[in-house]
Amino acid sequence: MIIKIKDNVYHIEFQTDYRNMAIRLARYGLEYGIHNKVIDEKTKTHQFPIPEQAVIYLEYSSDVPRNNNYEFIYKGKSVVSIEVTNLNIWEFEMEKMLDKKLYNLVPILIFKYRVALVKAKDNKEELEQIKNNFLTETREIMTQVNRLDSDIKDNEDKDLIIAVLGELITYFDTVFFDGEIKRRGDFEMTWTEEVKGWRQKINEAEAKAEAKVKARIEAKATQAKTETLLEMAKKLLAKGMDIDFVVETTGLSVDEVTKLML
């Protein structure tokens, strides 16, 4: 995602895969720079702004790279070096996260259980222990989030954090716990009207996005069809066909065909 805060631009990646991240960052950084290029009026030089970049790793892997820093080389020399921040979510305790005021990342703390649950899927005893740890930590996260009233001024922000936590709980419950959390009534606070409201907003946003994509596709198809019909109309007019015949054959309006004759 690209986030702009005042004059600062940030490119943030949420990842579980550690391979080729420097390549992704360099490519996306350049794409952003090209899209937002400016020309220095004094030197007439094209300038391509690269956003500040960071990768937030959601779970541990043995192939974690030392870093994702990269350089651009010109004529054998480094012309610019980009430093990328790596944030390993599993290394953060909740207290550290809260102390750094990374409130919006707090729900993601429970994602670290995914790898352990995948490995323990055939061991019922181990799976039950991990699930209990998961429930204990998630309850504590929920408690801490509900105590953030003095730190988070906008109630909608706190509701959104709770909603995200609820979405993650739903994911784990569906994939690993066979819906047991919901059946037992645990975490009823994650199914509040506020959370449902955010779920509705998310659904509405997704529906609007899909509608926009569909509209763009339909618009392009309509434009292509119209261009084809206009080309056909031009050829018919060039052969001396009258306007009524061209209109009837192509389905274009009289005005559209008349304009071709001007």
C-alpha atoms as a PDB file:
ATOM      1  CA  MET A   1       0.000   0.000   0.000  1.00  0.00           C
ATOM      2  CA  ILE A   2       0.993   3.619  -0.593  1.00  0.00           C
ATOM      3  CA  ILE A   3       0.207   6.023   2.263  1.00  0.00           C
ATOM      4  CA  LYS A   4       0.622   9.792   2.050  1.00  0.00           C
ATOM      5  CA  ILE A   5       0.764  11.785   5.294  1.00  0.00           C
ATOM      6  CA  LYS A   6       1.179  15.509   4.596  1.00  0.00           C
ATOM      7  CA  ASP A   7       4.310  15.707   2.403  1.00  0.00           C
ATOM      8  CA  ASN A   8       5.617  12.249   3.349  1.00  0.00           C
ATOM      9  CA  VAL A   9       4.915   9.198   1.202  1.00  0.00           C
ATOM     10  CA  TYR A  10       5.283   5.622   2.475  1.00  0.00           C
ATOM     11  CA  HIS A  11       5.235   2.329   0.585  1.00  0.00           C
ATOM     12  CA  ILE A  12       4.371  -0.520   2.985  1.00  0.00           C
ATOM     13  CA  GLU A  13       4.310  -4.234   2.201  1.00  0.00           C
ATOM     14  CA  PHE A  14       2.622  -6.841   4.412  1.00  0.00           C
ATOM     15  CA  GLN A  15       4.301 -10.156   3.624  1.00  0.00           C
ATOM     16  CA  THR A  16       4.707 -13.784   4.658  1.00  0.00           C
ATOM     17  CA  ASP A  17       7.082 -14.513   1.755  1.00  0.00           C
ATOM     18  CA  TYR A  18      10.666 -13.298   2.098  1.00  0.00           C
ATOM     19  CA  ARG A  19      11.925 -14.013  -1.397  1.00  0.00           C
ATOM     20  CA  ASN A  20      12.697 -11.326  -3.986  1.00  0.00           C
ATOM     21  CA  MET A  21      11.352  -8.513  -1.801  1.00  0.00           C
ATOM     22  CA  ALA A  22      14.138  -6.104  -2.861  1.00  0.00           C
ATOM     23  CA  ILE A  23      13.078  -6.640  -6.482  1.00  0.00           C
ATOM     24  CA  ARG A  24       9.437  -5.882  -5.635  1.00  0.00           C
ATOM     25  CA  LEU A  25      10.387  -2.792  -3.670  1.00  0.00           C
ATOM     26  CA  ALA A  26      12.669  -1.442  -6.405  1.00  0.00           C
ATOM     27  CA  ARG A  27      10.037  -2.041  -9.082  1.00  0.00           C
ATOM     28  CA  TYR A  28       7.134  -0.544  -7.156  1.00  0.00           C
ATOM     29  CA  GLY A  29       9.259   2.340  -5.919  1.00  0.00           C
ATOM     30  CA  LEU A  30      10.222   3.216  -9.498  1.00  0.00           C
ATOM     31  CA  GLU A  31       6.644   2.805 -10.730  1.00  0.00           C
ATOM     32  CA  TYR A  32       5.484   5.269  -8.084  1.00  0.00           C
ATOM     33  CA  GLY A  33       8.303   7.656  -9.016  1.00  0.00           C
ATOM     34  CA  ILE A  34       7.483   7.501 -12.733  1.00  0.00           C
ATOM     35  CA  HIS A  35       3.781   8.059 -12.082  1.00  0.00           C
ATOM     36  CA  ASN A  36       4.538  11.058  -9.853  1.00  0.00           C
ATOM     37  CA  LYS A  37       7.522  12.520 -11.725  1.00  0.00           C
ATOM     38  CA  VAL A  38       8.255  16.243 -11.632  1.00  0.00           C
ATOM     39  CA  ILE A  39      10.572  18.423 -13.718  1.00  0.00           C
ATOM     40  CA  ASP A  40      12.991  20.764 -12.004  1.00  0.00           C
ATOM     41  CA  GLU A  41      12.333  24.157 -13.611  1.00  0.00           C
ATOM     42  CA  LYS A  42      15.930  25.311 -13.148  1.00  0.00           C
ATOM     43  CA  THR A  43      17.790  22.258 -14.441  1.00  0.00           C
ATOM     44  CA  LYS A  44      14.952  20.817 -16.593  1.00  0.00           C
ATOM     45  CA  THR A  45      15.803  17.466 -15.031  1.00  0.00           C
ATOM     46  CA  HIS A  46      13.175  14.752 -14.552  1.00  0.00           C
ATOM     47  CA  GLN A  47      12.854  13.809 -10.903  1.00  0.00           C
ATOM     48  CA  PHE A  48      11.325  10.505  -9.787  1.00  0.00           C
ATOM     49  CA  PRO A  49      10.382  10.526  -6.076  1.00  0.00           C
ATOM     50  CA  ILE A  50      10.874   7.167  -4.321  1.00  0.00           C
ATOM     51  CA  PRO A  51       8.629   6.693  -1.245  1.00  0.00           C
ATOM     52  CA  GLU A  52      10.020   5.637   2.106  1.00  0.00           C
ATOM     53  CA  GLN A  53       9.673   1.844   2.148  1.00  0.00           C
ATOM     54  CA  ALA A  54       9.059  -0.783   4.815  1.00  0.00           C
ATOM     55  CA  VAL A  55       8.163  -4.476   4.919  1.00  0.00           C
ATOM     56  CA  ILE A  56       6.021  -5.827   7.751  1.00  0.00           C
ATOM     57  CA  TYR A  57       6.619  -9.578   8.025  1.00  0.00           C
ATOM     58  CA  LEU A  58       3.664 -11.378   9.572  1.00  0.00           C
ATOM     59  CA  GLU A  59       5.302 -14.675  10.508  1.00  0.00           C
ATOM     60  CA  TYR A  60       8.718 -16.227  11.025  1.00  0.00           C
ATOM     61  CA  SER A  61      10.543 -18.047   8.254  1.00  0.00           C
ATOM     62  CA  SER A  62      14.043 -19.527   8.191  1.00  0.00           C
ATOM     63  CA  ASP A  63      14.837 -17.640   4.965  1.00  0.00           C
ATOM     64  CA  VAL A  64      14.451 -14.155   6.447  1.00  0.00           C
ATOM     65  CA  PRO A  65      16.932 -11.911   4.585  1.00  0.00           C
ATOM     66  CA  ARG A  66      19.421  -9.692   6.375  1.00  0.00           C
ATOM     67  CA  ASN A  67      17.687  -6.667   4.884  1.00  0.00           C
ATOM     68  CA  ASN A  68      15.904  -5.450   1.772  1.00  0.00           C
ATOM     69  CA  ASN A  69      18.161  -2.481   1.046  1.00  0.00           C
ATOM     70  CA  TYR A  70      19.021  -1.890  -2.601  1.00  0.00           C
ATOM     71  CA  GLU A  71      21.069   0.456  -4.800  1.00  0.00           C
ATOM     72  CA  PHE A  72      20.776   1.903  -8.290  1.00  0.00           C
ATOM     73  CA  ILE A  73      24.043   1.540 -10.208  1.00  0.00           C
ATOM     74  CA  TYR A  74      25.098   3.816 -13.084  1.00  0.00           C
ATOM     75  CA  LYS A  75      28.403   3.409 -14.938  1.00  0.00           C
ATOM     76  CA  GLY A  76      29.577   0.987 -12.297  1.00  0.00           C
ATOM     77  CA  LYS A  77      28.931   3.377  -9.426  1.00  0.00           C
ATOM     78  CA  SER A  78      26.124   3.568  -6.890  1.00  0.00           C
ATOM     79  CA  VAL A  79      24.046   6.677  -7.580  1.00  0.00           C
ATOM     80  CA  VAL A  80      21.516   6.134  -4.816  1.00  0.00           C
ATOM     81  CA  SER A  81      21.052   3.689  -1.936  1.00  0.00           C
ATOM     82  CA  ILE A  82      17.587   2.920  -0.579  1.00  0.00           C
ATOM     83  CA  GLU A  83      17.250   1.743   3.018  1.00  0.00           C
ATOM     84  CA  VAL A  84      14.189  -0.406   3.734  1.00  0.00           C
ATOM     85  CA  THR A  85      12.793  -0.925   7.224  1.00  0.00           C
ATOM     86  CA  ASN A  86      12.015  -4.558   8.130  1.00  0.00           C
ATOM     87  CA  LEU A  87       9.441  -5.046  10.891  1.00  0.00           C
ATOM     88  CA  ASN A  88       9.091  -8.611  12.172  1.00  0.00           C
ATOM     89  CA  ILE A  89       5.678  -8.705  13.835  1.00  0.00           C
ATOM     90  CA  TRP A  90       6.372 -11.908  15.808  1.00  0.00           C
ATOM     91  CA  GLU A  91       9.257 -10.192  17.638  1.00  0.00           C
ATOM     92  CA  PHE A  92       6.889  -7.630  19.156  1.00  0.00           C
ATOM     93  CA  GLU A  93       5.237  -8.093  22.515  1.00  0.00           C
ATOM     94  CA  MET A  94       1.958  -6.247  22.927  1.00  0.00           C
ATOM     95  CA  GLU A  95       3.447  -3.840  25.486  1.00  0.00           C
ATOM     96  CA  LYS A  96       6.169  -2.844  23.025  1.00  0.00           C
ATOM     97  CA  MET A  97       3.591  -2.335  20.285  1.00  0.00           C
ATOM     98  CA  LEU A  98       1.455  -0.116  22.516  1.00  0.00           C
ATOM     99  CA  ASP A  99       4.501   1.776  23.775  1.00  0.00           C
ATOM    100  CA  LYS A 100       5.421   2.647  20.179  1.00  0.00           C
ATOM    101  CA  LYS A 101       1.773   3.615  19.549  1.00  0.00           C
ATOM    102  CA  LEU A 102       1.473   1.086  16.717  1.00  0.00           C
ATOM    103  CA  TYR A 103      -2.184   0.590  17.610  1.00  0.00           C
ATOM    104  CA  ASN A 104      -3.331  -0.303  14.108  1.00  0.00           C
ATOM    105  CA  LEU A 105      -0.883  -3.252  14.036  1.00  0.00           C
ATOM    106  CA  VAL A 106      -2.007  -4.719  17.378  1.00  0.00           C
ATOM    107  CA  PRO A 107      -4.593  -7.126  15.866  1.00  0.00           C
ATOM    108  CA  ILE A 108      -1.918  -8.622  13.605  1.00  0.00           C
ATOM    109  CA  LEU A 109      -0.040  -9.946  16.649  1.00  0.00           C
ATOM    110  CA  ILE A 110      -2.250 -13.056  16.637  1.00  0.00           C
ATOM    111  CA  PHE A 111      -1.222 -13.901  13.071  1.00  0.00           C
ATOM    112  CA  LYS A 112       1.966 -15.479  14.439  1.00  0.00           C
ATOM    113  CA  TYR A 113      -0.136 -18.500  15.486  1.00  0.00           C
ATOM    114  CA  ARG A 114      -0.826 -19.503  11.888  1.00  0.00           C
ATOM    115  CA  VAL A 115       2.474 -21.331  11.277  1.00  0.00           C
ATOM    116  CA  ALA A 116       2.225 -23.250  14.581  1.00  0.00           C
ATOM    117  CA  LEU A 117      -1.382 -24.236  13.845  1.00  0.00           C
ATOM    118  CA  VAL A 118      -0.488 -25.460  10.356  1.00  0.00           C
ATOM    119  CA  LYS A 119       2.313 -27.615  11.790  1.00  0.00           C
ATOM    120  CA  ALA A 120       0.078 -28.985  14.571  1.00  0.00           C
ATOM    121  CA  LYS A 121      -2.971 -29.774  12.428  1.00  0.00           C
ATOM    122  CA  ASP A 122      -2.557 -33.564  12.895  1.00  0.00           C
ATOM    123  CA  ASN A 123      -1.711 -33.377  16.618  1.00  0.00           C
ATOM    124  CA  LYS A 124      -4.922 -32.801  18.587  1.00  0.00           C
ATOM    125  CA  GLU A 125      -3.208 -32.287  21.935  1.00  0.00           C
ATOM    126  CA  GLU A 126      -0.749 -29.730  20.580  1.00  0.00           C
ATOM    127  CA  LEU A 127      -3.508 -28.061  18.554  1.00  0.00           C
ATOM    128  CA  GLU A 128      -5.638 -27.643  21.678  1.00  0.00           C
ATOM    129  CA  GLN A 129      -2.723 -26.078  23.584  1.00  0.00           C
ATOM    130  CA  ILE A 130      -2.007 -23.616  20.790  1.00  0.00           C
ATOM    131  CA  LYS A 131      -5.693 -22.760  20.603  1.00  0.00           C
ATOM    132  CA  ASN A 132      -5.798 -22.013  24.330  1.00  0.00           C
ATOM    133  CA  ASN A 133      -2.751 -19.767  24.013  1.00  0.00           C
ATOM    134  CA  PHE A 134      -4.373 -18.073  21.039  1.00  0.00           C
ATOM    135  CA  LEU A 135      -7.585 -17.422  23.009  1.00  0.00           C
ATOM    136  CA  THR A 136      -5.678 -16.126  26.033  1.00  0.00           C
ATOM    137  CA  GLU A 137      -3.618 -13.660  24.021  1.00  0.00           C
ATOM    138  CA  THR A 138      -6.565 -12.541  21.919  1.00  0.00           C
ATOM    139  CA  ARG A 139      -8.611 -11.791  25.053  1.00  0.00           C
ATOM    140  CA  GLU A 140      -5.712  -9.752  26.403  1.00  0.00           C
ATOM    141  CA  ILE A 141      -5.404  -7.829  23.131  1.00  0.00           C
ATOM    142  CA  MET A 142      -9.121  -7.084  23.194  1.00  0.00           C
ATOM    143  CA  THR A 143      -8.845  -5.865  26.803  1.00  0.00           C
ATOM    144  CA  GLN A 144      -5.911  -3.590  25.983  1.00  0.00           C
ATOM    145  CA  VAL A 145      -7.634  -2.159  22.900  1.00  0.00           C
ATOM    146  CA  ASN A 146     -10.713  -1.298  24.951  1.00  0.00           C
ATOM    147  CA  ARG A 147      -8.456   0.653  27.345  1.00  0.00           C
ATOM    148  CA  LEU A 148      -7.128   2.935  24.613  1.00  0.00           C
ATOM    149  CA  ASP A 149      -9.868   5.557  24.873  1.00  0.00           C
ATOM    150  CA  SER A 150      -7.440   8.227  26.103  1.00  0.00           C
ATOM    151  CA  ASP A 151      -4.877   7.412  23.387  1.00  0.00           C
ATOM    152  CA  ILE A 152      -7.205   6.964  20.431  1.00  0.00           C
ATOM    153  CA  LYS A 153      -9.351  10.066  20.125  1.00  0.00           C
ATOM    154  CA  ASP A 154     -11.561   8.859  17.273  1.00  0.00           C
ATOM    155  CA  ASN A 155     -13.939   6.087  18.382  1.00  0.00           C
ATOM    156  CA  GLU A 156     -14.229   4.898  14.787  1.00  0.00           C
ATOM    157  CA  ASP A 157     -10.496   4.133  14.797  1.00  0.00           C
ATOM    158  CA  LYS A 158     -10.880   1.940  17.874  1.00  0.00           C
ATOM    159  CA  ASP A 159     -13.938   0.247  16.368  1.00  0.00           C
ATOM    160  CA  LEU A 160     -11.942  -0.455  13.221  1.00  0.00           C
ATOM    161  CA  ILE A 161      -9.103  -2.043  15.234  1.00  0.00           C
ATOM    162  CA  ILE A 162     -11.666  -4.257  16.979  1.00  0.00           C
ATOM    163  CA  ALA A 163     -13.268  -5.058  13.625  1.00  0.00           C
ATOM    164  CA  VAL A 164      -9.932  -6.148  12.154  1.00  0.00           C
ATOM    165  CA  LEU A 165      -9.293  -8.301  15.209  1.00  0.00           C
ATOM    166  CA  GLY A 166     -12.762  -9.802  14.738  1.00  0.00           C
ATOM    167  CA  GLU A 167     -11.988 -10.564  11.081  1.00  0.00           C
ATOM    168  CA  LEU A 168      -8.752 -12.328  12.060  1.00  0.00           C
ATOM    169  CA  ILE A 169     -10.512 -14.313  14.791  1.00  0.00           C
ATOM    170  CA  THR A 170     -13.094 -15.379  12.197  1.00  0.00           C
ATOM    171  CA  TYR A 171     -10.292 -16.489   9.880  1.00  0.00           C
ATOM    172  CA  PHE A 172      -8.614 -18.635  12.545  1.00  0.00           C
ATOM    173  CA  ASP A 173     -11.948 -19.979  13.775  1.00  0.00           C
ATOM    174  CA  THR A 174     -12.984 -20.991  10.257  1.00  0.00           C
ATOM    175  CA  VAL A 175      -9.662 -22.417   9.075  1.00  0.00           C
ATOM    176  CA  PHE A 176      -8.297 -24.056  12.234  1.00  0.00           C
ATOM    177  CA  PHE A 177     -11.032 -24.347  14.903  1.00  0.00           C
ATOM    178  CA  ASP A 178     -14.014 -25.503  12.845  1.00  0.00           C
ATOM    179  CA  GLY A 179     -16.169 -22.624  14.110  1.00  0.00           C
ATOM    180  CA  GLU A 180     -15.800 -23.646  17.758  1.00  0.00           C
ATOM    181  CA  ILE A 181     -15.061 -20.107  18.987  1.00  0.00           C
ATOM    182  CA  LYS A 182     -18.286 -18.778  17.520  1.00  0.00           C
ATOM    183  CA  ARG A 183     -20.331 -21.760  18.742  1.00  0.00           C
ATOM    184  CA  ARG A 184     -19.029 -21.363  22.310  1.00  0.00           C
ATOM    185  CA  GLY A 185     -19.852 -17.664  22.285  1.00  0.00           C
ATOM    186  CA  ASP A 186     -16.254 -16.592  22.944  1.00  0.00           C
ATOM    187  CA  PHE A 187     -15.414 -13.038  21.985  1.00  0.00           C
ATOM    188  CA  GLU A 188     -18.983 -11.850  21.693  1.00  0.00           C
ATOM    189  CA  MET A 189     -17.522  -8.348  21.776  1.00  0.00           C
ATOM    190  CA  THR A 190     -16.088  -8.956  18.298  1.00  0.00           C
ATOM    191  CA  TRP A 191     -19.577  -9.426  16.903  1.00  0.00           C
ATOM    192  CA  THR A 192     -20.914  -6.068  18.124  1.00  0.00           C
ATOM    193  CA  GLU A 193     -22.974  -3.729  15.992  1.00  0.00           C
ATOM    194  CA  GLU A 194     -19.863  -1.577  15.481  1.00  0.00           C
ATOM    195  CA  VAL A 195     -18.006  -4.521  13.970  1.00  0.00           C
ATOM    196  CA  LYS A 196     -20.996  -5.475  11.851  1.00  0.00           C
ATOM    197  CA  GLY A 197     -21.133  -1.873  10.716  1.00  0.00           C
ATOM    198  CA  TRP A 198     -17.512  -2.007   9.611  1.00  0.00           C
ATOM    199  CA  ARG A 199     -18.133  -5.333   7.870  1.00  0.00           C
ATOM    200  CA  GLN A 200     -20.989  -3.662   6.004  1.00  0.00           C
ATOM    201  CA  LYS A 201     -18.725  -0.745   5.070  1.00  0.00           C
ATOM    202  CA  ILE A 202     -16.086  -3.174   3.831  1.00  0.00           C
ATOM    203  CA  ASN A 203     -18.695  -5.048   1.769  1.00  0.00           C
ATOM    204  CA  GLU A 204     -20.034  -1.801   0.329  1.00  0.00           C
ATOM    205  CA  ALA A 205     -16.516  -0.613  -0.532  1.00  0.00           C
ATOM    206  CA  GLU A 206     -15.748  -3.931  -2.245  1.00  0.00           C
ATOM    207  CA  ALA A 207     -19.035  -3.758  -4.174  1.00  0.00           C
ATOM    208  CA  LYS A 208     -18.291  -0.194  -5.307  1.00  0.00           C
ATOM    209  CA  ALA A 209     -14.780  -1.192  -6.387  1.00  0.00           C
ATOM    210  CA  GLU A 210     -16.141  -4.143  -8.382  1.00  0.00           C
ATOM    211  CA  ALA A 211     -18.774  -1.891  -9.958  1.00  0.00           C
ATOM    212  CA  LYS A 212     -16.120   0.625 -11.002  1.00  0.00           C
ATOM    213  CA  VAL A 213     -13.991  -2.100 -12.580  1.00  0.00           C
ATOM    214  CA  LYS A 214     -17.026  -3.511 -14.386  1.00  0.00           C
ATOM    215  CA  ALA A 215     -18.019  -0.038 -15.585  1.00  0.00           C
ATOM    216  CA  ARG A 216     -14.497   0.602 -16.917  1.00  0.00           C
ATOM    217  CA  ILE A 217     -14.494  -2.724 -18.764  1.00  0.00           C
ATOM    218  CA  GLU A 218     -17.936  -2.048 -20.231  1.00  0.00           C
ATOM    219  CA  ALA A 219     -16.908   1.490 -21.200  1.00  0.00           C
ATOM    220  CA  LYS A 220     -13.815   0.209 -22.992  1.00  0.00           C
ATOM    221  CA  ALA A 221     -15.869  -2.465 -24.773  1.00  0.00           C
ATOM    222  CA  THR A 222     -18.470   0.130 -25.795  1.00  0.00           C
ATOM    223  CA  GLN A 223     -15.758   2.497 -27.013  1.00  0.00           C
ATOM    224  CA  ALA A 224     -14.102  -0.254 -29.047  1.00  0.00           C
ATOM    225  CA  LYS A 225     -17.454  -1.239 -30.545  1.00  0.00           C
ATOM    226  CA  THR A 226     -18.291   2.372 -31.385  1.00  0.00           C
ATOM    227  CA  GLU A 227     -14.899   2.896 -33.032  1.00  0.00           C
ATOM    228  CA  THR A 228     -15.456  -0.216 -35.149  1.00  0.00           C
ATOM    229  CA  LEU A 229     -18.916   0.998 -36.207  1.00  0.00           C
ATOM    230  CA  LEU A 230     -17.577   4.466 -37.020  1.00  0.00           C
ATOM    231  CA  GLU A 231     -14.885   2.933 -39.185  1.00  0.00           C
ATOM    232  CA  MET A 232     -17.520   0.839 -40.966  1.00  0.00           C
ATOM    233  CA  ALA A 233     -19.692   3.919 -41.468  1.00  0.00           C
ATOM    234  CA  LYS A 234     -16.752   5.828 -43.004  1.00  0.00           C
ATOM    235  CA  LYS A 235     -16.189   3.043 -45.526  1.00  0.00           C
ATOM    236  CA  LEU A 236     -19.885   2.909 -46.459  1.00  0.00           C
ATOM    237  CA  LEU A 237     -20.038   6.669 -46.928  1.00  0.00           C
ATOM    238  CA  ALA A 238     -16.877   6.542 -49.040  1.00  0.00           C
ATOM    239  CA  LYS A 239     -18.670   4.063 -51.313  1.00  0.00           C
ATOM    240  CA  GLY A 240     -21.508   6.544 -51.782  1.00  0.00           C
ATOM    241  CA  MET A 241     -24.105   4.967 -49.504  1.00  0.00           C
ATOM    242  CA  ASP A 242     -26.768   7.362 -48.242  1.00  0.00           C
ATOM    243  CA  ILE A 243     -27.102   8.360 -44.581  1.00  0.00           C
ATOM    244  CA  ASP A 244     -30.277   6.320 -43.914  1.00  0.00           C
ATOM    245  CA  PHE A 245     -28.609   3.145 -45.164  1.00  0.00           C
ATOM    246  CA  VAL A 246     -25.502   3.746 -43.065  1.00  0.00           C
ATOM    247  CA  VAL A 247     -27.583   4.481 -39.945  1.00  0.00           C
ATOM    248  CA  GLU A 248     -29.660   1.335 -40.427  1.00  0.00           C
ATOM    249  CA  THR A 249     -26.606  -0.837 -41.108  1.00  0.00           C
ATOM    250  CA  THR A 250     -24.371   0.351 -38.285  1.00  0.00           C
ATOM    251  CA  GLY A 251     -26.926   1.316 -35.634  1.00  0.00           C
ATOM    252  CA  LEU A 252     -25.222   4.694 -35.216  1.00  0.00           C
ATOM    253  CA  SER A 253     -27.301   7.853 -34.791  1.00  0.00           C
ATOM    254  CA  VAL A 254     -27.935  10.299 -37.634  1.00  0.00           C
ATOM    255  CA  ASP A 255     -25.801  12.887 -35.829  1.00  0.00           C
ATOM    256  CA  GLU A 256     -22.874  10.478 -35.477  1.00  0.00           C
ATOM    257  CA  VAL A 257     -22.982   9.620 -39.179  1.00  0.00           C
ATOM    258  CA  THR A 258     -23.471  13.246 -40.225  1.00  0.00           C
ATOM    259  CA  LYS A 259     -20.349  14.282 -38.287  1.00  0.00           C
ATOM    260  CA  LEU A 260     -18.330  11.799 -40.342  1.00  0.00           C
ATOM    261  CA  MET A 261     -19.310  13.676 -43.500  1.00  0.00           C
ATOM    262  CA  LEU A 262     -17.973  17.032 -42.249  1.00  0.00           C
END
